[in-house]
C-alpha atoms as a PDB file:
ATOM      1  CA  MET A   1       0.000   0.000   0.000  1.00  0.00           C
ATOM      2  CA  PRO A   2       1.484   3.411  -0.930  1.00  0.00           C
ATOM      3  CA  GLN A   3       2.594   5.786   1.799  1.00  0.00           C
ATOM      4  CA  TRP A   4       2.114   9.533   1.342  1.00  0.00           C
ATOM      5  CA  GLU A   5       3.608  12.662   2.818  1.00  0.00           C
ATOM      6  CA  TYR A   6       1.873  16.028   2.758  1.00  0.00           C
ATOM      7  CA  LYS A   7       2.921  19.660   2.539  1.00  0.00           C
ATOM      8  CA  ILE A   8       0.695  22.683   3.157  1.00  0.00           C
ATOM      9  CA  ILE A   9       1.656  26.110   1.878  1.00  0.00           C
ATOM     10  CA  ASN A  10      -0.093  29.466   1.919  1.00  0.00           C
ATOM     11  CA  VAL A  11       0.219  31.729  -1.091  1.00  0.00           C
ATOM     12  CA  ARG A  12      -0.693  35.403  -0.866  1.00  0.00           C
ATOM     13  CA  SER A  13      -3.663  36.469  -2.967  1.00  0.00           C
ATOM     14  CA  GLU A  14      -5.115  39.821  -3.894  1.00  0.00           C
ATOM     15  CA  ASN A  15      -8.484  40.347  -5.543  1.00  0.00           C
ATOM     16  CA  TYR A  16      -8.951  36.556  -5.663  1.00  0.00           C
ATOM     17  CA  ARG A  17      -5.814  36.144  -7.780  1.00  0.00           C
ATOM     18  CA  LEU A  18      -2.610  34.337  -6.950  1.00  0.00           C
ATOM     19  CA  ASP A  19       0.573  36.348  -7.024  1.00  0.00           C
ATOM     20  CA  PRO A  20       2.267  35.483 -10.354  1.00  0.00           C
ATOM     21  CA  ASN A  21       5.580  35.501  -8.484  1.00  0.00           C
ATOM     22  CA  SER A  22       4.422  32.253  -6.819  1.00  0.00           C
ATOM     23  CA  ALA A  23       4.791  30.275 -10.064  1.00  0.00           C
ATOM     24  CA  PRO A  24       8.496  29.432  -9.646  1.00  0.00           C
ATOM     25  CA  ARG A  25       7.870  28.082  -6.144  1.00  0.00           C
ATOM     26  CA  LEU A  26       4.963  25.951  -7.395  1.00  0.00           C
ATOM     27  CA  ASN A  27       7.059  24.709 -10.324  1.00  0.00           C
ATOM     28  CA  ASP A  28       9.803  23.698  -7.887  1.00  0.00           C
ATOM     29  CA  LEU A  29       7.293  21.654  -5.898  1.00  0.00           C
ATOM     30  CA  GLY A  30       6.215  19.872  -9.069  1.00  0.00           C
ATOM     31  CA  THR A  31       9.821  19.108  -9.935  1.00  0.00           C
ATOM     32  CA  GLU A  32      10.256  17.633  -6.451  1.00  0.00           C
ATOM     33  CA  GLY A  33       7.322  15.290  -7.086  1.00  0.00           C
ATOM     34  CA  TRP A  34       4.622  17.156  -5.144  1.00  0.00           C
ATOM     35  CA  GLU A  35       1.084  16.986  -6.552  1.00  0.00           C
ATOM     36  CA  LEU A  36      -1.585  19.584  -5.693  1.00  0.00           C
ATOM     37  CA  VAL A  37      -4.573  17.783  -4.161  1.00  0.00           C
ATOM     38  CA  SER A  38      -6.547  20.596  -2.532  1.00  0.00           C
ATOM     39  CA  ILE A  39      -6.845  24.357  -2.647  1.00  0.00           C
ATOM     40  CA  THR A  40      -8.960  26.660  -0.501  1.00  0.00           C
ATOM     41  CA  SER A  41      -9.226  30.335   0.357  1.00  0.00           C
ATOM     42  CA  VAL A  42      -8.076  31.453   3.773  1.00  0.00           C
ATOM     43  CA  ASN A  43      -9.994  34.330   5.303  1.00  0.00           C
ATOM     44  CA  PHE A  44      -8.419  36.145   8.192  1.00  0.00           C
ATOM     45  CA  LYS A  45      -9.831  39.015  10.261  1.00  0.00           C
ATOM     46  CA  THR A  46     -10.839  41.164   7.291  1.00  0.00           C
ATOM     47  CA  GLY A  47     -13.216  38.584   5.828  1.00  0.00           C
ATOM     48  CA  ALA A  48     -11.391  38.891   2.510  1.00  0.00           C
ATOM     49  CA  THR A  49      -9.408  36.157   0.859  1.00  0.00           C
ATOM     50  CA  ASP A  50      -5.898  37.026   1.990  1.00  0.00           C
ATOM     51  CA  ASN A  51      -4.219  33.730   1.207  1.00  0.00           C
ATOM     52  CA  ILE A  52      -4.770  30.542  -0.723  1.00  0.00           C
ATOM     53  CA  ALA A  53      -3.945  27.363   1.201  1.00  0.00           C
ATOM     54  CA  MET A  54      -2.639  24.548  -0.968  1.00  0.00           C
ATOM     55  CA  VAL A  55      -2.206  20.936   0.085  1.00  0.00           C
ATOM     56  CA  PHE A  56       0.304  18.834  -1.825  1.00  0.00           C
ATOM     57  CA  LYS A  57       1.137  15.148  -1.533  1.00  0.00           C
ATOM     58  CA  ARG A  58       3.811  12.839  -2.840  1.00  0.00           C
ATOM     59  CA  GLN A  59       4.520   9.182  -2.417  1.00  0.00           C
ATOM     60  CA  VAL A  60       7.131   8.329   0.197  1.00  0.00           C
ATOM     61  CA  SER A  61      10.123   6.558  -1.302  1.00  0.00           C
ATOM     62  CA  ASP A  62      10.975   3.146   0.078  1.00  0.00           C
END
């Protein structure tokens, strides 16, 4: 049975858009074998979407 590890990152958003400067970081995660499995908005005190929380997973090597 496969074993998985998970990574959660928060990416800053403005006007419901991801910062384009986040692309290199996301590309690096893909290169490292991480797969995006969930994405959700994170609302802090202002009630606005300040960040996007992303959950990644990858199979643990034996």
